[in-house]
Amino acid sequence: MNWQLWVAIGIVAAALLVFAAARMRHAQHVFDDITHVDRPAPAMQADELAHRRSHRMSHEPGRHRRHG
Protein backbone atom coordinates (compact mmCIF):
# COMPACT_ATOMS: atom_id res chain seq x y z
CA MET A 1 0.00 0.00 0.00
CA ASN A 2 2.89 2.37 0.73
CA TRP A 3 4.35 2.08 -2.76
CA GLN A 4 0.96 2.91 -4.31
CA LEU A 5 0.97 6.26 -2.51
CA TRP A 6 4.43 7.05 -3.89
CA VAL A 7 3.32 6.06 -7.38
CA ALA A 8 0.32 8.38 -7.11
CA ILE A 9 2.53 11.21 -5.81
CA GLY A 10 4.97 10.60 -8.67
CA ILE A 11 2.21 10.72 -11.27
CA VAL A 12 0.84 13.96 -9.86
CA ALA A 13 4.34 15.48 -9.71
CA ALA A 14 5.05 14.45 -13.30
CA ALA A 15 1.73 15.94 -14.47
CA LEU A 16 2.52 19.20 -12.67
CA LEU A 17 5.97 19.34 -14.25
CA VAL A 18 4.55 18.80 -17.73
CA PHE A 19 1.92 21.49 -17.12
CA ALA A 20 4.54 23.94 -15.81
CA ALA A 21 6.84 23.24 -18.75
CA ALA A 22 4.00 23.84 -21.21
CA ARG A 23 3.11 27.14 -19.52
CA MET A 24 6.75 28.25 -19.52
CA ARG A 25 7.11 27.39 -23.19
CA HIS A 26 4.01 29.42 -24.00
CA ALA A 27 5.32 32.30 -21.89
CA GLN A 28 8.62 32.16 -23.77
CA HIS A 29 6.81 32.38 -27.11
CA VAL A 30 4.80 35.38 -25.90
CA PHE A 31 7.95 37.06 -24.60
CA ASP A 32 9.74 36.44 -27.89
CA ASP A 33 6.80 37.92 -29.80
CA ILE A 34 6.84 41.03 -27.62
CA THR A 35 10.58 41.60 -27.75
CA HIS A 36 11.11 40.71 -31.42
CA VAL A 37 12.06 44.03 -33.06
CA ASP A 38 12.95 42.80 -36.56
CA ARG A 39 9.38 42.22 -37.69
CA PRO A 40 7.65 44.52 -40.20
CA ALA A 41 5.60 47.46 -38.93
CA PRO A 42 1.93 46.69 -38.20
CA ALA A 43 -0.80 48.01 -40.46
CA MET A 44 -2.31 50.17 -37.72
CA GLN A 45 -0.45 52.85 -35.85
CA ALA A 46 -0.14 52.64 -32.06
CA ASP A 47 -2.37 55.69 -31.54
CA GLU A 48 -5.14 54.12 -33.56
CA LEU A 49 -4.89 50.91 -31.54
CA ALA A 50 -5.02 52.88 -28.28
CA HIS A 51 -8.03 54.83 -29.51
CA ARG A 52 -9.92 51.67 -30.50
CA ARG A 53 -9.02 49.94 -27.24
CA SER A 54 -10.19 52.86 -25.10
CA HIS A 55 -13.39 53.14 -27.14
CA ARG A 56 -14.11 49.45 -26.69
CA MET A 57 -13.34 49.54 -22.95
CA SER A 58 -15.64 52.53 -22.40
CA HIS A 59 -18.58 50.91 -24.21
CA GLU A 60 -18.50 47.46 -22.63
CA PRO A 61 -21.27 47.14 -20.05
CA GLY A 62 -20.22 46.17 -16.55
CA ARG A 63 -16.53 46.99 -17.04
CA HIS A 64 -15.12 49.89 -15.13
CA ARG A 65 -11.49 50.84 -14.82
CA ARG A 66 -10.37 50.99 -11.23
CA HIS A 67 -7.19 52.16 -9.63
CA GLY A 68 -5.13 50.06 -7.29
C-alpha atoms as a PDB file:
ATOM      1  CA  MET A   1       0.000   0.000   0.000  1.00  0.00           C
ATOM      2  CA  ASN A   2       2.893   2.368   0.732  1.00  0.00           C
ATOM      3  CA  TRP A   3       4.347   2.077  -2.764  1.00  0.00           C
ATOM      4  CA  GLN A   4       0.965   2.911  -4.306  1.00  0.00           C
ATOM      5  CA  LEU A   5       0.966   6.259  -2.511  1.00  0.00           C
ATOM      6  CA  TRP A   6       4.430   7.050  -3.888  1.00  0.00           C
ATOM      7  CA  VAL A   7       3.320   6.065  -7.381  1.00  0.00           C
ATOM      8  CA  ALA A   8       0.315   8.383  -7.106  1.00  0.00           C
ATOM      9  CA  ILE A   9       2.526  11.215  -5.807  1.00  0.00           C
ATOM     10  CA  GLY A  10       4.972  10.595  -8.668  1.00  0.00           C
ATOM     11  CA  ILE A  11       2.214  10.717 -11.274  1.00  0.00           C
ATOM     12  CA  VAL A  12       0.836  13.964  -9.856  1.00  0.00           C
ATOM     13  CA  ALA A  13       4.337  15.476  -9.707  1.00  0.00           C
ATOM     14  CA  ALA A  14       5.047  14.452 -13.303  1.00  0.00           C
ATOM     15  CA  ALA A  15       1.732  15.937 -14.466  1.00  0.00           C
ATOM     16  CA  LEU A  16       2.519  19.203 -12.666  1.00  0.00           C
ATOM     17  CA  LEU A  17       5.969  19.345 -14.251  1.00  0.00           C
ATOM     18  CA  VAL A  18       4.548  18.796 -17.735  1.00  0.00           C
ATOM     19  CA  PHE A  19       1.924  21.488 -17.119  1.00  0.00           C
ATOM     20  CA  ALA A  20       4.543  23.945 -15.807  1.00  0.00           C
ATOM     21  CA  ALA A  21       6.845  23.241 -18.754  1.00  0.00           C
ATOM     22  CA  ALA A  22       3.997  23.843 -21.214  1.00  0.00           C
ATOM     23  CA  ARG A  23       3.107  27.140 -19.520  1.00  0.00           C
ATOM     24  CA  MET A  24       6.747  28.251 -19.518  1.00  0.00           C
ATOM     25  CA  ARG A  25       7.112  27.393 -23.192  1.00  0.00           C
ATOM     26  CA  HIS A  26       4.013  29.417 -24.004  1.00  0.00           C
ATOM     27  CA  ALA A  27       5.323  32.301 -21.891  1.00  0.00           C
ATOM     28  CA  GLN A  28       8.624  32.161 -23.765  1.00  0.00           C
ATOM     29  CA  HIS A  29       6.808  32.385 -27.114  1.00  0.00           C
ATOM     30  CA  VAL A  30       4.801  35.380 -25.897  1.00  0.00           C
ATOM     31  CA  PHE A  31       7.953  37.058 -24.599  1.00  0.00           C
ATOM     32  CA  ASP A  32       9.737  36.441 -27.889  1.00  0.00           C
ATOM     33  CA  ASP A  33       6.800  37.920 -29.805  1.00  0.00           C
ATOM     34  CA  ILE A  34       6.836  41.027 -27.617  1.00  0.00           C
ATOM     35  CA  THR A  35      10.579  41.602 -27.751  1.00  0.00           C
ATOM     36  CA  HIS A  36      11.113  40.708 -31.420  1.00  0.00           C
ATOM     37  CA  VAL A  37      12.064  44.027 -33.063  1.00  0.00           C
ATOM     38  CA  ASP A  38      12.954  42.799 -36.564  1.00  0.00           C
ATOM     39  CA  ARG A  39       9.378  42.224 -37.692  1.00  0.00           C
ATOM     40  CA  PRO A  40       7.646  44.524 -40.198  1.00  0.00           C
ATOM     41  CA  ALA A  41       5.597  47.458 -38.933  1.00  0.00           C
ATOM     42  CA  PRO A  42       1.930  46.688 -38.198  1.00  0.00           C
ATOM     43  CA  ALA A  43      -0.797  48.014 -40.458  1.00  0.00           C
ATOM     44  CA  MET A  44      -2.305  50.169 -37.718  1.00  0.00           C
ATOM     45  CA  GLN A  45      -0.449  52.853 -35.848  1.00  0.00           C
ATOM     46  CA  ALA A  46      -0.138  52.638 -32.057  1.00  0.00           C
ATOM     47  CA  ASP A  47      -2.365  55.687 -31.538  1.00  0.00           C
ATOM     48  CA  GLU A  48      -5.140  54.119 -33.559  1.00  0.00           C
ATOM     49  CA  LEU A  49      -4.888  50.907 -31.540  1.00  0.00           C
ATOM     50  CA  ALA A  50      -5.019  52.876 -28.283  1.00  0.00           C
ATOM     51  CA  HIS A  51      -8.034  54.827 -29.510  1.00  0.00           C
ATOM     52  CA  ARG A  52      -9.921  51.668 -30.504  1.00  0.00           C
ATOM     53  CA  ARG A  53      -9.025  49.943 -27.241  1.00  0.00           C
ATOM     54  CA  SER A  54     -10.195  52.864 -25.096  1.00  0.00           C
ATOM     55  CA  HIS A  55     -13.388  53.142 -27.141  1.00  0.00           C
ATOM     56  CA  ARG A  56     -14.109  49.445 -26.695  1.00  0.00           C
ATOM     57  CA  MET A  57     -13.344  49.540 -22.953  1.00  0.00           C
ATOM     58  CA  SER A  58     -15.640  52.527 -22.396  1.00  0.00           C
ATOM     59  CA  HIS A  59     -18.580  50.913 -24.207  1.00  0.00           C
ATOM     60  CA  GLU A  60     -18.504  47.460 -22.628  1.00  0.00           C
ATOM     61  CA  PRO A  61     -21.275  47.142 -20.053  1.00  0.00           C
ATOM     62  CA  GLY A  62     -20.215  46.174 -16.552  1.00  0.00           C
ATOM     63  CA  ARG A  63     -16.530  46.989 -17.040  1.00  0.00           C
ATOM     64  CA  HIS A  64     -15.117  49.889 -15.129  1.00  0.00           C
ATOM     65  CA  ARG A  65     -11.493  50.839 -14.823  1.00  0.00           C
ATOM     66  CA  ARG A  66     -10.368  50.988 -11.235  1.00  0.00           C
ATOM     67  CA  HIS A  67      -7.189  52.165  -9.628  1.00  0.00           C
ATOM     68  CA  GLY A  68      -5.130  50.057  -7.290  1.00  0.00           C
END
